[in-house]
Amino acid sequence: MLGTPEPESTPYKIEENTLKFIKSLPQRAPTKWETLFPKANPLGLDLLEKMLCYNPTVRYTVEQCLK
């Protein structure tokens, strides 16, 4: 659903075998949440996007999600 991670989405250290595996996968575009959940509240989709991202430095924390 998230598509292939962009290099800037992975600023943290990744184990070499994991990085090789990710690079071996075919490139995929992310699926738009609106396509999967057409009747969902836009605020809920925004929250979902912020919770489900590769980069842990920008991913919402539990506290941010509860606000």
C-alpha atoms as a PDB file:
ATOM      1  CA  MET A   1       0.000   0.000   0.000  1.00  0.00           C
ATOM      2  CA  LEU A   2       2.845   2.418   0.775  1.00  0.00           C
ATOM      3  CA  GLY A   3       4.680   1.790  -2.468  1.00  0.00           C
ATOM      4  CA  THR A   4       8.432   1.626  -2.873  1.00  0.00           C
ATOM      5  CA  PRO A   5      10.220   3.781  -0.308  1.00  0.00           C
ATOM      6  CA  GLU A   6      12.070   6.796  -1.652  1.00  0.00           C
ATOM      7  CA  PRO A   7      15.714   7.158  -0.545  1.00  0.00           C
ATOM      8  CA  GLU A   8      14.801  10.220   1.532  1.00  0.00           C
ATOM      9  CA  SER A   9      12.175   8.107   3.334  1.00  0.00           C
ATOM     10  CA  THR A  10      14.886   5.909   4.794  1.00  0.00           C
ATOM     11  CA  PRO A  11      17.378   8.254   6.500  1.00  0.00           C
ATOM     12  CA  TYR A  12      17.966   5.773   9.283  1.00  0.00           C
ATOM     13  CA  LYS A  13      20.423   2.875   9.174  1.00  0.00           C
ATOM     14  CA  ILE A  14      19.038  -0.237   7.491  1.00  0.00           C
ATOM     15  CA  GLU A  15      20.665  -3.633   7.699  1.00  0.00           C
ATOM     16  CA  GLU A  16      22.459  -4.454   4.431  1.00  0.00           C
ATOM     17  CA  ASN A  17      20.380  -7.594   3.715  1.00  0.00           C
ATOM     18  CA  THR A  18      17.165  -5.643   4.250  1.00  0.00           C
ATOM     19  CA  LEU A  19      18.321  -2.886   1.919  1.00  0.00           C
ATOM     20  CA  LYS A  20      19.232  -5.440  -0.777  1.00  0.00           C
ATOM     21  CA  PHE A  21      15.807  -7.032  -0.428  1.00  0.00           C
ATOM     22  CA  ILE A  22      14.005  -3.682  -0.745  1.00  0.00           C
ATOM     23  CA  LYS A  23      16.040  -2.767  -3.823  1.00  0.00           C
ATOM     24  CA  SER A  24      15.284  -6.157  -5.419  1.00  0.00           C
ATOM     25  CA  LEU A  25      11.534  -5.529  -5.335  1.00  0.00           C
ATOM     26  CA  PRO A  26       9.784  -3.976  -8.337  1.00  0.00           C
ATOM     27  CA  GLN A  27       9.075  -0.247  -8.096  1.00  0.00           C
ATOM     28  CA  ARG A  28       5.497   0.449  -7.027  1.00  0.00           C
ATOM     29  CA  ALA A  29       3.560   3.647  -6.642  1.00  0.00           C
ATOM     30  CA  PRO A  30       1.709   4.106  -3.360  1.00  0.00           C
ATOM     31  CA  THR A  31      -2.011   3.383  -3.289  1.00  0.00           C
ATOM     32  CA  LYS A  32      -4.121   6.424  -2.528  1.00  0.00           C
ATOM     33  CA  TRP A  33      -6.035   5.962   0.695  1.00  0.00           C
ATOM     34  CA  GLU A  34      -9.056   7.653  -0.909  1.00  0.00           C
ATOM     35  CA  THR A  35      -9.162   4.833  -3.457  1.00  0.00           C
ATOM     36  CA  LEU A  36      -9.190   2.169  -0.757  1.00  0.00           C
ATOM     37  CA  PHE A  37     -11.616   3.991   1.522  1.00  0.00           C
ATOM     38  CA  PRO A  38     -13.765   6.263  -0.682  1.00  0.00           C
ATOM     39  CA  LYS A  39     -16.338   6.981   2.059  1.00  0.00           C
ATOM     40  CA  ALA A  40     -13.810   7.715   4.811  1.00  0.00           C
ATOM     41  CA  ASN A  41     -13.498  11.066   6.519  1.00  0.00           C
ATOM     42  CA  PRO A  42     -10.603  13.066   4.992  1.00  0.00           C
ATOM     43  CA  LEU A  43      -9.231  13.767   8.487  1.00  0.00           C
ATOM     44  CA  GLY A  44      -9.129  10.036   9.171  1.00  0.00           C
ATOM     45  CA  LEU A  45      -7.279   9.419   5.919  1.00  0.00           C
ATOM     46  CA  ASP A  46      -4.802  12.163   6.793  1.00  0.00           C
ATOM     47  CA  LEU A  47      -4.169  10.507  10.161  1.00  0.00           C
ATOM     48  CA  LEU A  48      -3.750   7.119   8.495  1.00  0.00           C
ATOM     49  CA  GLU A  49      -1.167   8.549   6.107  1.00  0.00           C
ATOM     50  CA  LYS A  50       0.790  10.102   8.972  1.00  0.00           C
ATOM     51  CA  MET A  51       0.762   6.861  10.976  1.00  0.00           C
ATOM     52  CA  LEU A  52       1.752   4.608   8.098  1.00  0.00           C
ATOM     53  CA  CYS A  53       4.962   5.954   6.656  1.00  0.00           C
ATOM     54  CA  TYR A  54       8.419   4.446   6.294  1.00  0.00           C
ATOM     55  CA  ASN A  55      10.406   7.187   7.986  1.00  0.00           C
ATOM     56  CA  PRO A  56      10.112   6.857  11.774  1.00  0.00           C
ATOM     57  CA  THR A  57      11.401  10.396  12.267  1.00  0.00           C
ATOM     58  CA  VAL A  58       8.278  11.852  10.608  1.00  0.00           C
ATOM     59  CA  ARG A  59       5.811   9.103  11.546  1.00  0.00           C
ATOM     60  CA  TYR A  60       3.234  10.232  14.108  1.00  0.00           C
ATOM     61  CA  THR A  61       3.775   9.147  17.680  1.00  0.00           C
ATOM     62  CA  VAL A  62       0.992   7.675  19.809  1.00  0.00           C
ATOM     63  CA  GLU A  63       0.619  11.038  21.551  1.00  0.00           C
ATOM     64  CA  GLN A  64       0.257  12.865  18.234  1.00  0.00           C
ATOM     65  CA  CYS A  65      -2.341  10.363  17.039  1.00  0.00           C
ATOM     66  CA  LEU A  66      -4.411  10.787  20.194  1.00  0.00           C
ATOM     67  CA  LYS A  67      -4.468  14.586  19.797  1.00  0.00           C
END
